[in-house]
């Protein structure tokens, strides 16, 4: 039972951590981020199982995390206010070719970051963009102005 309680506490902490790190950071993975994730996984494992190296302990820990993920998914599907907390809302970054600097600052993005994503989608200049939206998963969607 102790392992299950630790798994629940760590799961809630991880969800909180992922929400405060920002969407954009989660959608791009640098080599440093990969190393950090490996270290984070090892640290969580140590806090989760402590000195319990049994198969039963591992099954309890993994099962608890899986159940928490299903519960979180169901809760965010069923209750809109909690969906906003758990997943966040899309954020408009560009409106009618104009950058919304307040939203860029809020998400720690620069105009160069947005321009890089525009180029990847074959958009040359901001004037071509009606909307640029930072989605909940960290990707940026672009809607071009009508020609």
N, C-alpha and C. Protein backbone atom coordinates (compact mmCIF):
# COMPACT_ATOMS: atom_id res chain seq x y z
N UNK A 1 0.82 -1.20 0.00
CA UNK A 1 0.00 0.00 0.00
C UNK A 1 0.87 1.26 0.00
N UNK A 2 2.01 1.17 0.66
CA UNK A 2 2.93 2.30 0.74
C UNK A 2 3.41 2.71 -0.66
N UNK A 3 3.69 1.72 -1.50
CA UNK A 3 4.15 2.01 -2.86
C UNK A 3 3.05 2.69 -3.66
N UNK A 4 1.83 2.28 -3.51
CA UNK A 4 0.71 2.88 -4.23
C UNK A 4 0.52 4.35 -3.83
N UNK A 5 0.63 4.64 -2.56
CA UNK A 5 0.48 6.02 -2.09
C UNK A 5 1.62 6.89 -2.63
N UNK A 6 2.85 6.37 -2.59
CA UNK A 6 3.97 7.12 -3.15
C UNK A 6 3.79 7.35 -4.65
N UNK A 7 3.25 6.34 -5.35
CA UNK A 7 3.01 6.47 -6.80
C UNK A 7 1.99 7.56 -7.08
N UNK A 8 0.94 7.63 -6.28
CA UNK A 8 -0.08 8.67 -6.46
C UNK A 8 0.52 10.06 -6.23
N UNK A 9 1.28 10.20 -5.16
CA UNK A 9 1.90 11.50 -4.85
C UNK A 9 2.86 11.90 -5.97
N UNK A 10 3.69 10.98 -6.43
CA UNK A 10 4.63 11.30 -7.51
C UNK A 10 3.90 11.60 -8.82
N UNK A 11 2.82 10.92 -9.09
CA UNK A 11 2.04 11.18 -10.30
C UNK A 11 1.50 12.61 -10.28
N UNK A 12 0.91 13.01 -9.19
CA UNK A 12 0.38 14.36 -9.05
C UNK A 12 1.51 15.38 -9.21
N UNK A 13 2.65 15.10 -8.62
CA UNK A 13 3.80 15.99 -8.75
C UNK A 13 4.25 16.10 -10.21
N UNK A 14 4.31 15.00 -10.92
CA UNK A 14 4.73 15.01 -12.33
C UNK A 14 3.74 15.80 -13.18
N UNK A 15 2.45 15.62 -12.97
CA UNK A 15 1.44 16.38 -13.72
C UNK A 15 1.63 17.87 -13.45
N UNK A 16 1.82 18.24 -12.20
CA UNK A 16 2.05 19.63 -11.84
C UNK A 16 3.32 20.16 -12.52
N UNK A 17 4.38 19.39 -12.47
CA UNK A 17 5.65 19.79 -13.07
C UNK A 17 5.51 19.99 -14.58
N UNK A 18 4.80 19.11 -15.24
CA UNK A 18 4.62 19.23 -16.69
C UNK A 18 3.79 20.47 -17.05
N UNK A 19 2.86 20.83 -16.20
CA UNK A 19 2.04 22.02 -16.47
C UNK A 19 2.84 23.30 -16.29
N UNK A 20 3.74 23.35 -15.31
CA UNK A 20 4.47 24.59 -15.09
C UNK A 20 5.68 24.74 -16.01
N UNK A 21 6.17 23.64 -16.59
CA UNK A 21 7.33 23.77 -17.48
C UNK A 21 6.96 24.40 -18.80
N UNK A 22 5.71 24.36 -19.16
CA UNK A 22 5.29 25.00 -20.40
C UNK A 22 5.13 24.01 -21.53
N UNK A 23 4.22 24.35 -22.44
CA UNK A 23 3.91 23.46 -23.54
C UNK A 23 5.02 23.37 -24.55
N UNK A 24 5.62 24.48 -24.85
CA UNK A 24 6.62 24.51 -25.91
C UNK A 24 7.81 23.63 -25.53
N UNK A 25 8.22 23.65 -24.29
CA UNK A 25 9.34 22.83 -23.86
C UNK A 25 9.03 21.36 -24.00
N UNK A 26 7.78 20.98 -23.82
CA UNK A 26 7.41 19.58 -23.91
C UNK A 26 7.37 19.07 -25.34
N UNK A 27 7.17 19.96 -26.30
CA UNK A 27 7.04 19.51 -27.68
C UNK A 27 8.38 19.38 -28.39
N UNK A 28 9.43 19.95 -27.84
CA UNK A 28 10.76 19.85 -28.45
C UNK A 28 11.68 19.15 -27.48
N UNK A 29 12.44 18.20 -27.96
CA UNK A 29 13.30 17.42 -27.10
C UNK A 29 14.75 17.56 -27.57
N UNK A 30 15.55 18.24 -26.78
CA UNK A 30 16.97 18.40 -27.09
C UNK A 30 17.74 17.26 -26.42
N UNK A 31 19.01 17.05 -26.79
CA UNK A 31 19.80 16.01 -26.13
C UNK A 31 19.86 16.21 -24.60
N UNK A 32 19.97 17.46 -24.16
CA UNK A 32 19.97 17.73 -22.72
C UNK A 32 18.65 17.30 -22.08
N UNK A 33 17.53 17.57 -22.77
CA UNK A 33 16.22 17.17 -22.25
C UNK A 33 16.13 15.66 -22.10
N UNK A 34 16.69 14.93 -23.06
CA UNK A 34 16.68 13.47 -22.99
C UNK A 34 17.44 12.97 -21.77
N UNK A 35 18.62 13.52 -21.52
CA UNK A 35 19.40 13.14 -20.34
C UNK A 35 18.64 13.50 -19.07
N UNK A 36 18.03 14.68 -19.06
CA UNK A 36 17.25 15.11 -17.90
C UNK A 36 16.09 14.16 -17.64
N UNK A 37 15.41 13.71 -18.68
CA UNK A 37 14.30 12.76 -18.51
C UNK A 37 14.79 11.44 -17.93
N UNK A 38 15.94 10.98 -18.38
CA UNK A 38 16.49 9.73 -17.85
C UNK A 38 16.81 9.88 -16.36
N UNK A 39 17.45 10.98 -16.01
CA UNK A 39 17.78 11.24 -14.60
C UNK A 39 16.50 11.38 -13.78
N UNK A 40 15.52 12.10 -14.33
CA UNK A 40 14.23 12.27 -13.64
C UNK A 40 13.57 10.91 -13.40
N UNK A 41 13.59 10.06 -14.41
CA UNK A 41 13.00 8.72 -14.27
C UNK A 41 13.68 7.91 -13.18
N UNK A 42 14.99 7.99 -13.12
CA UNK A 42 15.73 7.27 -12.09
C UNK A 42 15.42 7.82 -10.70
N UNK A 43 15.35 9.15 -10.60
CA UNK A 43 15.03 9.77 -9.30
C UNK A 43 13.63 9.40 -8.84
N UNK A 44 12.69 9.38 -9.78
CA UNK A 44 11.31 9.01 -9.42
C UNK A 44 11.25 7.55 -8.98
N UNK A 45 11.96 6.70 -9.70
CA UNK A 45 11.97 5.28 -9.35
C UNK A 45 12.48 5.07 -7.93
N UNK A 46 13.53 5.79 -7.56
CA UNK A 46 14.09 5.64 -6.22
C UNK A 46 13.10 6.10 -5.16
N UNK A 47 12.42 7.20 -5.43
CA UNK A 47 11.43 7.68 -4.48
C UNK A 47 10.17 6.82 -4.44
N UNK A 48 9.91 6.16 -5.56
CA UNK A 48 8.69 5.35 -5.67
C UNK A 48 8.83 4.02 -4.95
N UNK A 49 9.91 3.32 -5.21
CA UNK A 49 10.04 1.97 -4.66
C UNK A 49 10.98 1.89 -3.47
N UNK A 50 11.75 2.92 -3.21
CA UNK A 50 12.75 2.94 -2.14
C UNK A 50 13.62 1.68 -2.21
N UNK A 51 13.58 0.83 -1.22
CA UNK A 51 14.42 -0.37 -1.20
C UNK A 51 13.68 -1.62 -1.67
N UNK A 52 12.48 -1.46 -2.18
CA UNK A 52 11.69 -2.60 -2.64
C UNK A 52 12.03 -2.91 -4.09
N UNK A 53 12.82 -3.96 -4.31
CA UNK A 53 13.21 -4.34 -5.67
C UNK A 53 12.44 -5.57 -6.15
N UNK A 54 11.33 -5.87 -5.50
CA UNK A 54 10.56 -7.05 -5.87
C UNK A 54 9.73 -6.79 -7.12
N UNK A 55 9.37 -7.86 -7.78
CA UNK A 55 8.50 -7.77 -8.95
C UNK A 55 7.13 -7.27 -8.53
N UNK A 56 6.68 -7.71 -7.39
CA UNK A 56 5.37 -7.27 -6.89
C UNK A 56 5.36 -5.76 -6.68
N UNK A 57 6.42 -5.22 -6.09
CA UNK A 57 6.51 -3.78 -5.88
C UNK A 57 6.49 -3.03 -7.19
N UNK A 58 7.21 -3.53 -8.20
CA UNK A 58 7.22 -2.89 -9.51
C UNK A 58 5.83 -2.95 -10.16
N UNK A 59 5.16 -4.06 -10.04
CA UNK A 59 3.81 -4.21 -10.61
C UNK A 59 2.85 -3.24 -9.93
N UNK A 60 2.93 -3.11 -8.62
CA UNK A 60 2.06 -2.18 -7.90
C UNK A 60 2.34 -0.75 -8.35
N UNK A 61 3.61 -0.39 -8.44
CA UNK A 61 3.97 0.98 -8.83
C UNK A 61 3.49 1.30 -10.24
N UNK A 62 3.79 0.43 -11.18
CA UNK A 62 3.40 0.67 -12.57
C UNK A 62 1.88 0.66 -12.72
N UNK A 63 1.22 -0.26 -12.06
CA UNK A 63 -0.24 -0.33 -12.13
C UNK A 63 -0.88 0.93 -11.56
N UNK A 64 -0.36 1.42 -10.46
CA UNK A 64 -0.90 2.64 -9.85
C UNK A 64 -0.73 3.82 -10.79
N UNK A 65 0.45 3.96 -11.41
CA UNK A 65 0.67 5.05 -12.35
C UNK A 65 -0.26 4.93 -13.56
N UNK A 66 -0.46 3.71 -14.05
CA UNK A 66 -1.37 3.51 -15.18
C UNK A 66 -2.80 3.87 -14.82
N UNK A 67 -3.24 3.46 -13.65
CA UNK A 67 -4.60 3.80 -13.20
C UNK A 67 -4.74 5.32 -13.04
N UNK A 68 -3.72 5.96 -12.50
CA UNK A 68 -3.77 7.42 -12.35
C UNK A 68 -3.87 8.11 -13.71
N UNK A 69 -3.17 7.59 -14.71
CA UNK A 69 -3.24 8.17 -16.05
C UNK A 69 -4.64 8.01 -16.64
N UNK A 70 -5.26 6.86 -16.46
CA UNK A 70 -6.62 6.63 -16.95
C UNK A 70 -7.60 7.55 -16.23
N UNK A 71 -7.45 7.67 -14.92
CA UNK A 71 -8.34 8.54 -14.13
C UNK A 71 -8.17 9.99 -14.58
N UNK A 72 -6.94 10.43 -14.75
CA UNK A 72 -6.68 11.81 -15.19
C UNK A 72 -7.30 12.06 -16.56
N UNK A 73 -7.13 11.12 -17.46
CA UNK A 73 -7.69 11.25 -18.80
C UNK A 73 -9.21 11.32 -18.74
N UNK A 74 -9.84 10.46 -17.95
CA UNK A 74 -11.30 10.46 -17.83
C UNK A 74 -11.79 11.76 -17.21
N UNK A 75 -11.14 12.20 -16.15
CA UNK A 75 -11.55 13.43 -15.46
C UNK A 75 -11.44 14.63 -16.40
N UNK A 76 -10.35 14.70 -17.16
CA UNK A 76 -10.19 15.83 -18.08
C UNK A 76 -11.18 15.76 -19.23
N UNK A 77 -11.60 14.57 -19.61
CA UNK A 77 -12.63 14.40 -20.64
C UNK A 77 -14.00 14.79 -20.11
N UNK A 78 -14.29 14.40 -18.90
CA UNK A 78 -15.64 14.56 -18.33
C UNK A 78 -15.91 15.97 -17.79
N UNK A 79 -14.90 16.62 -17.22
CA UNK A 79 -15.11 17.88 -16.53
C UNK A 79 -14.25 18.98 -17.15
N UNK A 80 -14.89 19.90 -17.86
CA UNK A 80 -14.17 20.96 -18.58
C UNK A 80 -13.28 21.82 -17.68
N UNK A 81 -13.74 22.26 -16.51
CA UNK A 81 -12.85 23.08 -15.66
C UNK A 81 -11.55 22.34 -15.31
N UNK A 82 -11.63 21.05 -15.06
CA UNK A 82 -10.42 20.29 -14.76
C UNK A 82 -9.58 20.07 -16.01
N UNK A 83 -10.22 20.01 -17.18
CA UNK A 83 -9.48 19.87 -18.43
C UNK A 83 -8.57 21.07 -18.64
N UNK A 84 -9.08 22.26 -18.32
CA UNK A 84 -8.25 23.46 -18.43
C UNK A 84 -7.03 23.39 -17.52
N UNK A 85 -7.21 22.85 -16.34
CA UNK A 85 -6.11 22.74 -15.39
C UNK A 85 -5.12 21.66 -15.83
N UNK A 86 -5.62 20.53 -16.25
CA UNK A 86 -4.75 19.40 -16.58
C UNK A 86 -4.09 19.52 -17.94
N UNK A 87 -4.81 20.06 -18.93
CA UNK A 87 -4.26 20.12 -20.29
C UNK A 87 -4.00 21.53 -20.77
N UNK A 88 -4.73 22.49 -20.26
CA UNK A 88 -4.56 23.87 -20.70
C UNK A 88 -5.39 24.18 -21.94
N UNK A 89 -5.49 25.46 -22.24
CA UNK A 89 -6.22 25.92 -23.41
C UNK A 89 -5.23 26.34 -24.49
N UNK A 90 -5.64 26.28 -25.75
CA UNK A 90 -4.80 26.83 -26.81
C UNK A 90 -4.62 28.33 -26.61
N UNK A 91 -3.47 28.85 -27.04
CA UNK A 91 -3.16 30.27 -26.85
C UNK A 91 -2.83 30.88 -28.21
N UNK A 92 -3.45 32.00 -28.51
CA UNK A 92 -3.22 32.69 -29.78
C UNK A 92 -1.90 33.46 -29.69
N UNK A 93 -1.01 33.21 -30.65
CA UNK A 93 0.29 33.88 -30.68
C UNK A 93 0.35 34.97 -31.74
N UNK A 94 -0.36 34.75 -32.85
CA UNK A 94 -0.40 35.72 -33.94
C UNK A 94 -1.86 35.89 -34.36
N UNK A 95 -2.27 37.16 -34.50
CA UNK A 95 -3.62 37.45 -34.95
C UNK A 95 -3.53 38.47 -36.09
N UNK A 96 -4.02 38.08 -37.26
CA UNK A 96 -3.97 38.92 -38.45
C UNK A 96 -2.58 39.48 -38.72
N UNK A 97 -1.58 38.61 -38.66
CA UNK A 97 -0.22 39.00 -38.99
C UNK A 97 0.54 39.71 -37.88
N UNK A 98 -0.09 39.98 -36.76
CA UNK A 98 0.55 40.71 -35.65
C UNK A 98 0.83 39.76 -34.49
N UNK A 99 2.06 39.81 -34.01
CA UNK A 99 2.43 39.00 -32.85
C UNK A 99 1.75 39.53 -31.60
N UNK A 100 1.27 38.65 -30.78
CA UNK A 100 0.69 39.03 -29.49
C UNK A 100 1.77 38.82 -28.42
N UNK A 101 2.52 39.89 -28.16
CA UNK A 101 3.71 39.80 -27.31
C UNK A 101 3.41 39.32 -25.89
N UNK A 102 2.25 39.68 -25.36
CA UNK A 102 1.91 39.24 -24.01
C UNK A 102 1.81 37.71 -23.95
N UNK A 103 1.20 37.12 -24.96
CA UNK A 103 1.08 35.66 -25.00
C UNK A 103 2.43 34.99 -25.27
N UNK A 104 3.25 35.62 -26.09
CA UNK A 104 4.59 35.08 -26.33
C UNK A 104 5.41 35.07 -25.04
N UNK A 105 5.36 36.16 -24.29
CA UNK A 105 6.09 36.24 -23.02
C UNK A 105 5.57 35.19 -22.04
N UNK A 106 4.27 35.06 -22.00
CA UNK A 106 3.65 34.10 -21.07
C UNK A 106 4.15 32.67 -21.32
N UNK A 107 4.37 32.35 -22.60
CA UNK A 107 4.82 31.00 -22.96
C UNK A 107 6.33 30.92 -23.19
N UNK A 108 7.04 32.02 -22.90
CA UNK A 108 8.50 32.09 -23.06
C UNK A 108 8.92 31.74 -24.49
N UNK A 109 8.25 32.35 -25.45
CA UNK A 109 8.55 32.17 -26.87
C UNK A 109 9.01 33.49 -27.46
N UNK A 110 9.81 33.41 -28.51
CA UNK A 110 10.23 34.61 -29.23
C UNK A 110 9.60 34.61 -30.62
N UNK A 111 9.69 35.75 -31.26
CA UNK A 111 9.21 35.85 -32.64
C UNK A 111 9.99 34.88 -33.53
N UNK A 112 11.26 34.69 -33.24
CA UNK A 112 12.08 33.75 -34.01
C UNK A 112 11.57 32.31 -33.87
N UNK A 113 11.11 31.95 -32.67
CA UNK A 113 10.56 30.60 -32.47
C UNK A 113 9.33 30.39 -33.35
N UNK A 114 8.46 31.39 -33.40
CA UNK A 114 7.24 31.29 -34.21
C UNK A 114 7.61 31.28 -35.69
N UNK A 115 8.56 32.15 -36.08
CA UNK A 115 8.98 32.21 -37.48
C UNK A 115 9.59 30.88 -37.93
N UNK A 116 10.32 30.23 -37.05
CA UNK A 116 10.91 28.92 -37.38
C UNK A 116 9.81 27.91 -37.70
N UNK A 117 8.77 27.90 -36.88
CA UNK A 117 7.66 26.99 -37.12
C UNK A 117 6.89 27.36 -38.40
N UNK A 118 6.79 28.65 -38.67
CA UNK A 118 6.13 29.11 -39.90
C UNK A 118 6.89 28.58 -41.12
N UNK A 119 8.21 28.73 -41.11
CA UNK A 119 9.01 28.27 -42.24
C UNK A 119 8.86 26.77 -42.45
N UNK A 120 8.75 26.03 -41.37
CA UNK A 120 8.58 24.57 -41.47
C UNK A 120 7.26 24.22 -42.16
N UNK A 121 6.29 25.16 -42.12
CA UNK A 121 4.99 24.94 -42.76
C UNK A 121 4.85 25.78 -44.03
N UNK A 122 5.99 26.19 -44.59
CA UNK A 122 6.03 26.91 -45.87
C UNK A 122 5.33 28.27 -45.82
N UNK A 123 5.44 28.95 -44.69
CA UNK A 123 4.90 30.31 -44.54
C UNK A 123 6.08 31.25 -44.38
N UNK A 124 6.17 32.25 -45.26
CA UNK A 124 7.37 33.10 -45.30
C UNK A 124 7.32 34.27 -44.33
N UNK A 125 6.17 34.94 -44.24
CA UNK A 125 6.10 36.17 -43.43
C UNK A 125 4.85 36.15 -42.55
N UNK A 126 4.91 36.95 -41.49
CA UNK A 126 3.78 37.01 -40.55
C UNK A 126 2.52 37.53 -41.22
N UNK A 127 2.66 38.37 -42.23
CA UNK A 127 1.50 38.94 -42.91
C UNK A 127 0.62 37.88 -43.56
N UNK A 128 1.17 36.69 -43.82
CA UNK A 128 0.41 35.59 -44.42
C UNK A 128 -0.46 34.86 -43.41
N UNK A 129 -0.23 35.13 -42.13
CA UNK A 129 -0.87 34.36 -41.05
C UNK A 129 -2.09 35.09 -40.51
N UNK A 130 -3.22 34.42 -40.54
CA UNK A 130 -4.42 34.96 -39.89
C UNK A 130 -4.36 34.63 -38.40
N UNK A 131 -4.06 33.38 -38.08
CA UNK A 131 -3.96 32.93 -36.70
C UNK A 131 -2.75 31.99 -36.56
N UNK A 132 -2.02 32.15 -35.48
CA UNK A 132 -1.03 31.16 -35.05
C UNK A 132 -1.42 30.80 -33.63
N UNK A 133 -1.64 29.52 -33.40
CA UNK A 133 -2.18 29.07 -32.12
C UNK A 133 -1.25 28.03 -31.51
N UNK A 134 -0.81 28.29 -30.29
CA UNK A 134 -0.03 27.30 -29.54
C UNK A 134 -1.02 26.32 -28.93
N UNK A 135 -0.99 25.10 -29.43
CA UNK A 135 -1.93 24.08 -28.97
C UNK A 135 -1.52 23.52 -27.62
N UNK A 136 -2.42 22.81 -26.99
CA UNK A 136 -2.17 22.24 -25.66
C UNK A 136 -1.00 21.26 -25.66
N UNK A 137 -0.73 20.63 -26.80
CA UNK A 137 0.36 19.65 -26.86
C UNK A 137 1.71 20.28 -27.20
N UNK A 138 1.75 21.62 -27.37
CA UNK A 138 3.01 22.31 -27.61
C UNK A 138 3.29 22.63 -29.08
N UNK A 139 2.48 22.13 -30.00
CA UNK A 139 2.68 22.46 -31.41
C UNK A 139 2.01 23.78 -31.72
N UNK A 140 2.47 24.41 -32.80
CA UNK A 140 1.87 25.66 -33.24
C UNK A 140 1.11 25.41 -34.54
N UNK A 141 -0.17 25.72 -34.54
CA UNK A 141 -1.01 25.60 -35.73
C UNK A 141 -1.11 26.95 -36.40
N UNK A 142 -1.04 26.96 -37.72
CA UNK A 142 -1.14 28.21 -38.48
C UNK A 142 -2.34 28.15 -39.40
N UNK A 143 -3.09 29.24 -39.43
CA UNK A 143 -4.19 29.40 -40.37
C UNK A 143 -3.83 30.61 -41.21
N UNK A 144 -3.71 30.37 -42.52
CA UNK A 144 -3.30 31.43 -43.43
C UNK A 144 -4.49 32.33 -43.74
N UNK A 145 -4.16 33.57 -44.09
CA UNK A 145 -5.19 34.50 -44.56
C UNK A 145 -5.68 34.04 -45.93
N UNK A 146 -6.93 34.36 -46.22
CA UNK A 146 -7.50 34.01 -47.52
C UNK A 146 -6.78 34.83 -48.59
N UNK A 147 -6.46 34.20 -49.71
CA UNK A 147 -5.72 34.90 -50.78
C UNK A 147 -6.60 35.83 -51.56
